[in-house]
Amino acid sequence: MTSVLHCQALASPSWAQTITGSGITSAAVTAFALIDQAIGTLIATGHMDAGQGWAVLQQVSQHTNIKLRHVAELVITWA
């Protein structure tokens, strides 16, 4: 299952440059994994789809001024 995050990230030109230029860093892979796991947690506990889970993480991150990666960690810890 491809997450919304991966679909949006792969569509951006900067992401394509990162893949072809310097490669994906281990920090980026870890962040993507955390975010995917948090979206999965929201799907399981919140009865929503992947797009809604992504939107929830994004909104919480923007409204609390906390990095998306950290919001994902908090969701995983909470669950």
PDB file of N, CA and C in Angstrom:
ATOM      1  N   MET A   1       0.837  -1.175   0.000  1.00  0.00           N
ATOM      2  CA  MET A   1       0.000   0.000   0.000  1.00  0.00           C
ATOM      3  C   MET A   1       0.881   1.237   0.000  1.00  0.00           C
ATOM      4  N   THR A   2       0.682   2.103  -0.937  1.00  0.00           N
ATOM      5  CA  THR A   2       1.442   3.338  -1.016  1.00  0.00           C
ATOM      6  C   THR A   2       0.695   4.415  -0.251  1.00  0.00           C
ATOM      7  N   SER A   3       1.401   5.090   0.618  1.00  0.00           N
ATOM      8  CA  SER A   3       0.750   6.124   1.414  1.00  0.00           C
ATOM      9  C   SER A   3       0.592   7.397   0.603  1.00  0.00           C
ATOM     10  N   VAL A   4      -0.270   8.244   1.076  1.00  0.00           N
ATOM     11  CA  VAL A   4      -0.481   9.545   0.450  1.00  0.00           C
ATOM     12  C   VAL A   4       0.809  10.340   0.490  1.00  0.00           C
ATOM     13  N   LEU A   5       1.542  10.222   1.596  1.00  0.00           N
ATOM     14  CA  LEU A   5       2.805  10.937   1.737  1.00  0.00           C
ATOM     15  C   LEU A   5       3.756  10.571   0.614  1.00  0.00           C
ATOM     16  N   HIS A   6       3.898   9.281   0.347  1.00  0.00           N
ATOM     17  CA  HIS A   6       4.800   8.863  -0.711  1.00  0.00           C
ATOM     18  C   HIS A   6       4.337   9.353  -2.073  1.00  0.00           C
ATOM     19  N   CYS A   7       3.043   9.326  -2.312  1.00  0.00           N
ATOM     20  CA  CYS A   7       2.508   9.807  -3.589  1.00  0.00           C
ATOM     21  C   CYS A   7       2.800  11.284  -3.770  1.00  0.00           C
ATOM     22  N   GLN A   8       2.580  12.073  -2.724  1.00  0.00           N
ATOM     23  CA  GLN A   8       2.824  13.511  -2.808  1.00  0.00           C
ATOM     24  C   GLN A   8       4.312  13.803  -2.910  1.00  0.00           C
ATOM     25  N   ALA A   9       5.123  13.068  -2.152  1.00  0.00           N
ATOM     26  CA  ALA A   9       6.566  13.300  -2.167  1.00  0.00           C
ATOM     27  C   ALA A   9       7.159  12.956  -3.530  1.00  0.00           C
ATOM     28  N   LEU A  10       6.726  11.846  -4.100  1.00  0.00           N
ATOM     29  CA  LEU A  10       7.271  11.434  -5.388  1.00  0.00           C
ATOM     30  C   LEU A  10       6.837  12.347  -6.524  1.00  0.00           C
ATOM     31  N   ALA A  11       5.754  13.082  -6.334  1.00  0.00           N
ATOM     32  CA  ALA A  11       5.267  13.985  -7.369  1.00  0.00           C
ATOM     33  C   ALA A  11       6.032  15.303  -7.393  1.00  0.00           C
ATOM     34  N   SER A  12       6.756  15.620  -6.327  1.00  0.00           N
ATOM     35  CA  SER A  12       7.440  16.908  -6.269  1.00  0.00           C
ATOM     36  C   SER A  12       8.786  16.827  -6.982  1.00  0.00           C
ATOM     37  N   PRO A  13       9.144  17.879  -7.705  1.00  0.00           N
ATOM     38  CA  PRO A  13      10.418  17.897  -8.427  1.00  0.00           C
ATOM     39  C   PRO A  13      11.620  17.775  -7.495  1.00  0.00           C
ATOM     40  N   SER A  14      11.567  18.389  -6.311  1.00  0.00           N
ATOM     41  CA  SER A  14      12.700  18.326  -5.399  1.00  0.00           C
ATOM     42  C   SER A  14      12.940  16.895  -4.939  1.00  0.00           C
ATOM     43  N   TRP A  15      11.861  16.123  -4.785  1.00  0.00           N
ATOM     44  CA  TRP A  15      12.008  14.728  -4.382  1.00  0.00           C
ATOM     45  C   TRP A  15      12.722  13.946  -5.479  1.00  0.00           C
ATOM     46  N   ALA A  16      12.361  14.194  -6.717  1.00  0.00           N
ATOM     47  CA  ALA A  16      13.004  13.500  -7.835  1.00  0.00           C
ATOM     48  C   ALA A  16      14.492  13.833  -7.880  1.00  0.00           C
ATOM     49  N   GLN A  17      14.839  15.083  -7.615  1.00  0.00           N
ATOM     50  CA  GLN A  17      16.242  15.477  -7.601  1.00  0.00           C
ATOM     51  C   GLN A  17      16.987  14.785  -6.468  1.00  0.00           C
ATOM     52  N   THR A  18      16.351  14.637  -5.322  1.00  0.00           N
ATOM     53  CA  THR A  18      16.980  13.968  -4.187  1.00  0.00           C
ATOM     54  C   THR A  18      17.276  12.516  -4.523  1.00  0.00           C
ATOM     55  N   ILE A  19      16.321  11.842  -5.152  1.00  0.00           N
ATOM     56  CA  ILE A  19      16.508  10.431  -5.491  1.00  0.00           C
ATOM     57  C   ILE A  19      17.638  10.263  -6.497  1.00  0.00           C
ATOM     58  N   THR A  20      17.649  11.095  -7.544  1.00  0.00           N
ATOM     59  CA  THR A  20      18.643  10.928  -8.591  1.00  0.00           C
ATOM     60  C   THR A  20      19.972  11.571  -8.226  1.00  0.00           C
ATOM     61  N   GLY A  21      19.941  12.592  -7.384  1.00  0.00           N
ATOM     62  CA  GLY A  21      21.170  13.298  -7.022  1.00  0.00           C
ATOM     63  C   GLY A  21      21.962  12.596  -5.951  1.00  0.00           C
ATOM     64  N   SER A  22      21.567  12.773  -4.720  1.00  0.00           N
ATOM     65  CA  SER A  22      22.367  12.268  -3.610  1.00  0.00           C
ATOM     66  C   SER A  22      21.785  11.024  -2.962  1.00  0.00           C
ATOM     67  N   GLY A  23      20.644  10.567  -3.402  1.00  0.00           N
ATOM     68  CA  GLY A  23      20.020   9.390  -2.804  1.00  0.00           C
ATOM     69  C   GLY A  23      19.173   9.766  -1.602  1.00  0.00           C
ATOM     70  N   ILE A  24      18.465   8.792  -1.093  1.00  0.00           N
ATOM     71  CA  ILE A  24      17.590   9.012   0.054  1.00  0.00           C
ATOM     72  C   ILE A  24      18.412   8.776   1.308  1.00  0.00           C
ATOM     73  N   THR A  25      18.378   9.720   2.222  1.00  0.00           N
ATOM     74  CA  THR A  25      19.117   9.563   3.474  1.00  0.00           C
ATOM     75  C   THR A  25      18.376   8.614   4.399  1.00  0.00           C
ATOM     76  N   SER A  26      19.112   8.039   5.321  1.00  0.00           N
ATOM     77  CA  SER A  26      18.482   7.126   6.270  1.00  0.00           C
ATOM     78  C   SER A  26      17.501   7.871   7.163  1.00  0.00           C
ATOM     79  N   ALA A  27      17.756   9.152   7.439  1.00  0.00           N
ATOM     80  CA  ALA A  27      16.828   9.954   8.247  1.00  0.00           C
ATOM     81  C   ALA A  27      15.499  10.124   7.518  1.00  0.00           C
ATOM     82  N   ALA A  28      15.542  10.320   6.214  1.00  0.00           N
ATOM     83  CA  ALA A  28      14.319  10.473   5.436  1.00  0.00           C
ATOM     84  C   ALA A  28      13.532   9.173   5.409  1.00  0.00           C
ATOM     85  N   VAL A  29      14.236   8.064   5.250  1.00  0.00           N
ATOM     86  CA  VAL A  29      13.570   6.767   5.232  1.00  0.00           C
ATOM     87  C   VAL A  29      12.914   6.511   6.582  1.00  0.00           C
ATOM     88  N   THR A  30      13.611   6.829   7.662  1.00  0.00           N
ATOM     89  CA  THR A  30      13.069   6.656   9.008  1.00  0.00           C
ATOM     90  C   THR A  30      11.846   7.542   9.211  1.00  0.00           C
ATOM     91  N   ALA A  31      11.922   8.796   8.765  1.00  0.00           N
ATOM     92  CA  ALA A  31      10.785   9.714   8.902  1.00  0.00           C
ATOM     93  C   ALA A  31       9.583   9.204   8.118  1.00  0.00           C
ATOM     94  N   PHE A  32       9.804   8.724   6.892  1.00  0.00           N
ATOM     95  CA  PHE A  32       8.700   8.197   6.091  1.00  0.00           C
ATOM     96  C   PHE A  32       8.069   6.991   6.772  1.00  0.00           C
ATOM     97  N   ALA A  33       8.903   6.131   7.347  1.00  0.00           N
ATOM     98  CA  ALA A  33       8.388   4.937   8.029  1.00  0.00           C
ATOM     99  C   ALA A  33       7.538   5.334   9.239  1.00  0.00           C
ATOM    100  N   LEU A  34       8.012   6.313  10.011  1.00  0.00           N
ATOM    101  CA  LEU A  34       7.254   6.778  11.174  1.00  0.00           C
ATOM    102  C   LEU A  34       5.911   7.371  10.758  1.00  0.00           C
ATOM    103  N   ILE A  35       5.941   8.171   9.720  1.00  0.00           N
ATOM    104  CA  ILE A  35       4.716   8.817   9.249  1.00  0.00           C
ATOM    105  C   ILE A  35       3.739   7.776   8.716  1.00  0.00           C
ATOM    106  N   ASP A  36       4.241   6.800   7.963  1.00  0.00           N
ATOM    107  CA  ASP A  36       3.371   5.730   7.464  1.00  0.00           C
ATOM    108  C   ASP A  36       2.755   4.939   8.610  1.00  0.00           C
ATOM    109  N   GLN A  37       3.572   4.656   9.633  1.00  0.00           N
ATOM    110  CA  GLN A  37       3.064   3.913  10.781  1.00  0.00           C
ATOM    111  C   GLN A  37       2.003   4.730  11.520  1.00  0.00           C
ATOM    112  N   ALA A  38       2.222   6.029  11.655  1.00  0.00           N
ATOM    113  CA  ALA A  38       1.239   6.893  12.316  1.00  0.00           C
ATOM    114  C   ALA A  38      -0.059   6.946  11.515  1.00  0.00           C
ATOM    115  N   ILE A  39       0.045   7.020  10.200  1.00  0.00           N
ATOM    116  CA  ILE A  39      -1.155   7.016   9.362  1.00  0.00           C
ATOM    117  C   ILE A  39      -1.903   5.696   9.553  1.00  0.00           C
ATOM    118  N   GLY A  40      -1.173   4.588   9.585  1.00  0.00           N
ATOM    119  CA  GLY A  40      -1.795   3.290   9.830  1.00  0.00           C
ATOM    120  C   GLY A  40      -2.494   3.235  11.173  1.00  0.00           C
ATOM    121  N   THR A  41      -1.885   3.835  12.186  1.00  0.00           N
ATOM    122  CA  THR A  41      -2.486   3.897  13.517  1.00  0.00           C
ATOM    123  C   THR A  41      -3.778   4.705  13.480  1.00  0.00           C
ATOM    124  N   LEU A  42      -3.745   5.838  12.790  1.00  0.00           N
ATOM    125  CA  LEU A  42      -4.956   6.660  12.675  1.00  0.00           C
ATOM    126  C   LEU A  42      -6.057   5.939  11.903  1.00  0.00           C
ATOM    127  N   ILE A  43      -5.679   5.180  10.891  1.00  0.00           N
ATOM    128  CA  ILE A  43      -6.665   4.408  10.129  1.00  0.00           C
ATOM    129  C   ILE A  43      -7.330   3.380  11.038  1.00  0.00           C
ATOM    130  N   ALA A  44      -6.513   2.690  11.831  1.00  0.00           N
ATOM    131  CA  ALA A  44      -7.032   1.633  12.693  1.00  0.00           C
ATOM    132  C   ALA A  44      -7.876   2.173  13.849  1.00  0.00           C
ATOM    133  N   THR A  45      -7.459   3.262  14.436  1.00  0.00           N
ATOM    134  CA  THR A  45      -8.153   3.774  15.622  1.00  0.00           C
ATOM    135  C   THR A  45      -9.174   4.849  15.317  1.00  0.00           C
ATOM    136  N   GLY A  46      -9.008   5.536  14.201  1.00  0.00           N
ATOM    137  CA  GLY A  46      -9.886   6.663  13.897  1.00  0.00           C
ATOM    138  C   GLY A  46     -10.905   6.398  12.816  1.00  0.00           C
ATOM    139  N   HIS A  47     -10.897   5.177  12.267  1.00  0.00           N
ATOM    140  CA  HIS A  47     -11.855   4.817  11.215  1.00  0.00           C
ATOM    141  C   HIS A  47     -11.817   5.826  10.071  1.00  0.00           C
ATOM    142  N   MET A  48     -10.624   6.011   9.511  1.00  0.00           N
ATOM    143  CA  MET A  48     -10.456   6.939   8.391  1.00  0.00           C
ATOM    144  C   MET A  48      -9.583   6.284   7.338  1.00  0.00           C
ATOM    145  N   ASP A  49      -9.507   6.896   6.174  1.00  0.00           N
ATOM    146  CA  ASP A  49      -8.642   6.357   5.133  1.00  0.00           C
ATOM    147  C   ASP A  49      -7.274   7.052   5.194  1.00  0.00           C
ATOM    148  N   ALA A  50      -6.368   6.635   4.312  1.00  0.00           N
ATOM    149  CA  ALA A  50      -5.003   7.150   4.339  1.00  0.00           C
ATOM    150  C   ALA A  50      -4.952   8.661   4.096  1.00  0.00           C
ATOM    151  N   GLY A  51      -5.780   9.152   3.198  1.00  0.00           N
ATOM    152  CA  GLY A  51      -5.808  10.585   2.916  1.00  0.00           C
ATOM    153  C   GLY A  51      -6.240  11.404   4.116  1.00  0.00           C
ATOM    154  N   GLN A  52      -7.231  10.906   4.828  1.00  0.00           N
ATOM    155  CA  GLN A  52      -7.698  11.594   6.025  1.00  0.00           C
ATOM    156  C   GLN A  52      -6.640  11.529   7.129  1.00  0.00           C
ATOM    157  N   GLY A  53      -5.963  10.395   7.252  1.00  0.00           N
ATOM    158  CA  GLY A  53      -4.897  10.264   8.239  1.00  0.00           C
ATOM    159  C   GLY A  53      -3.762  11.231   7.972  1.00  0.00           C
ATOM    160  N   TRP A  54      -3.377  11.351   6.699  1.00  0.00           N
ATOM    161  CA  TRP A  54      -2.339  12.307   6.298  1.00  0.00           C
ATOM    162  C   TRP A  54      -2.785  13.728   6.633  1.00  0.00           C
ATOM    163  N   ALA A  55      -4.032  14.043   6.340  1.00  0.00           N
ATOM    164  CA  ALA A  55      -4.551  15.392   6.610  1.00  0.00           C
ATOM    165  C   ALA A  55      -4.534  15.708   8.108  1.00  0.00           C
ATOM    166  N   VAL A  56      -4.888  14.720   8.922  1.00  0.00           N
ATOM    167  CA  VAL A  56      -4.869  14.918  10.385  1.00  0.00           C
ATOM    168  C   VAL A  56      -3.452  15.225  10.854  1.00  0.00           C
ATOM    169  N   LEU A  57      -2.481  14.423  10.422  1.00  0.00           N
ATOM    170  CA  LEU A  57      -1.088  14.671  10.826  1.00  0.00           C
ATOM    171  C   LEU A  57      -0.620  16.051  10.378  1.00  0.00           C
ATOM    172  N   GLN A  58      -0.963  16.406   9.155  1.00  0.00           N
ATOM    173  CA  GLN A  58      -0.559  17.688   8.596  1.00  0.00           C
ATOM    174  C   GLN A  58      -1.175  18.849   9.374  1.00  0.00           C
ATOM    175  N   GLN A  59      -2.455  18.761   9.673  1.00  0.00           N
ATOM    176  CA  GLN A  59      -3.140  19.830  10.398  1.00  0.00           C
ATOM    177  C   GLN A  59      -2.594  19.982  11.814  1.00  0.00           C
ATOM    178  N   VAL A  60      -2.391  18.872  12.496  1.00  0.00           N
ATOM    179  CA  VAL A  60      -1.844  18.947  13.859  1.00  0.00           C
ATOM    180  C   VAL A  60      -0.458  19.575  13.826  1.00  0.00           C
ATOM    181  N   SER A  61       0.356  19.166  12.867  1.00  0.00           N
ATOM    182  CA  SER A  61       1.703  19.718  12.738  1.00  0.00           C
ATOM    183  C   SER A  61       1.663  21.226  12.502  1.00  0.00           C
ATOM    184  N   GLN A  62       0.798  21.666  11.610  1.00  0.00           N
ATOM    185  CA  GLN A  62       0.714  23.085  11.277  1.00  0.00           C
ATOM    186  C   GLN A  62       0.136  23.923  12.410  1.00  0.00           C
ATOM    187  N   HIS A  63      -0.864  23.402  13.092  1.00  0.00           N
ATOM    188  CA  HIS A  63      -1.536  24.184  14.138  1.00  0.00           C
ATOM    189  C   HIS A  63      -0.772  24.201  15.457  1.00  0.00           C
ATOM    190  N   THR A  64       0.134  23.249  15.648  1.00  0.00           N
ATOM    191  CA  THR A  64       0.902  23.203  16.894  1.00  0.00           C
ATOM    192  C   THR A  64       2.358  23.604  16.690  1.00  0.00           C
ATOM    193  N   ASN A  65       2.740  23.829  15.444  1.00  0.00           N
ATOM    194  CA  ASN A  65       4.115  24.174  15.098  1.00  0.00           C
ATOM    195  C   ASN A  65       5.102  23.090  15.569  1.00  0.00           C
ATOM    196  N   ILE A  66       4.684  21.838  15.419  1.00  0.00           N
ATOM    197  CA  ILE A  66       5.530  20.689  15.737  1.00  0.00           C
ATOM    198  C   ILE A  66       5.809  19.975  14.417  1.00  0.00           C
ATOM    199  N   LYS A  67       7.056  19.590  14.214  1.00  0.00           N
ATOM    200  CA  LYS A  67       7.417  18.898  12.975  1.00  0.00           C
ATOM    201  C   LYS A  67       6.545  17.656  12.782  1.00  0.00           C
ATOM    202  N   LEU A  68       6.196  17.403  11.526  1.00  0.00           N
ATOM    203  CA  LEU A  68       5.326  16.283  11.183  1.00  0.00           C
ATOM    204  C   LEU A  68       5.896  14.957  11.700  1.00  0.00           C
ATOM    205  N   ARG A  69       7.197  14.794  11.572  1.00  0.00           N
ATOM    206  CA  ARG A  69       7.853  13.579  12.053  1.00  0.00           C
ATOM    207  C   ARG A  69       7.616  13.385  13.547  1.00  0.00           C
ATOM    208  N   HIS A  70       7.694  14.463  14.314  1.00  0.00           N
ATOM    209  CA  HIS A  70       7.492  14.368  15.760  1.00  0.00           C
ATOM    210  C   HIS A  70       6.023  14.096  16.093  1.00  0.00           C
ATOM    211  N   VAL A  71       5.102  14.693  15.356  1.00  0.00           N
ATOM    212  CA  VAL A  71       3.675  14.411  15.551  1.00  0.00           C
ATOM    213  C   VAL A  71       3.431  12.926  15.313  1.00  0.00           C
ATOM    214  N   ALA A  72       4.051  12.375  14.268  1.00  0.00           N
ATOM    215  CA  ALA A  72       3.903  10.939  13.980  1.00  0.00           C
ATOM    216  C   ALA A  72       4.430  10.100  15.139  1.00  0.00           C
ATOM    217  N   GLU A  73       5.565  10.482  15.706  1.00  0.00           N
ATOM    218  CA  GLU A  73       6.103   9.754  16.859  1.00  0.00           C
ATOM    219  C   GLU A  73       5.132   9.797  18.030  1.00  0.00           C
ATOM    220  N   LEU A  74       4.522  10.948  18.262  1.00  0.00           N
ATOM    221  CA  LEU A  74       3.568  11.084  19.365  1.00  0.00           C
ATOM    222  C   LEU A  74       2.334  10.206  19.161  1.00  0.00           C
ATOM    223  N   VAL A  75       1.845  10.146  17.934  1.00  0.00           N
ATOM    224  CA  VAL A  75       0.683   9.306  17.627  1.00  0.00           C
ATOM    225  C   VAL A  75       1.020   7.838  17.879  1.00  0.00           C
ATOM    226  N   ILE A  76       2.194   7.413  17.447  1.00  0.00           N
ATOM    227  CA  ILE A  76       2.604   6.023  17.630  1.00  0.00           C
ATOM    228  C   ILE A  76       2.751   5.710  19.127  1.00  0.00           C
ATOM    229  N   THR A  77       3.340   6.628  19.873  1.00  0.00           N
ATOM    230  CA  THR A  77       3.504   6.433  21.313  1.00  0.00           C
ATOM    231  C   THR A  77       2.156   6.374  22.013  1.00  0.00           C
ATOM    232  N   TRP A  78       1.233   7.235  21.590  1.00  0.00           N
ATOM    233  CA  TRP A  78      -0.103   7.292  22.182  1.00  0.00           C
ATOM    234  C   TRP A  78      -0.857   5.973  21.977  1.00  0.00           C
ATOM    235  N   ALA A  79      -0.684   5.400  20.779  1.00  0.00           N
ATOM    236  CA  ALA A  79      -1.409   4.177  20.457  1.00  0.00           C
ATOM    237  C   ALA A  79      -0.795   3.021  21.192  1.00  0.00           C
TER     238      ALA A  79
END
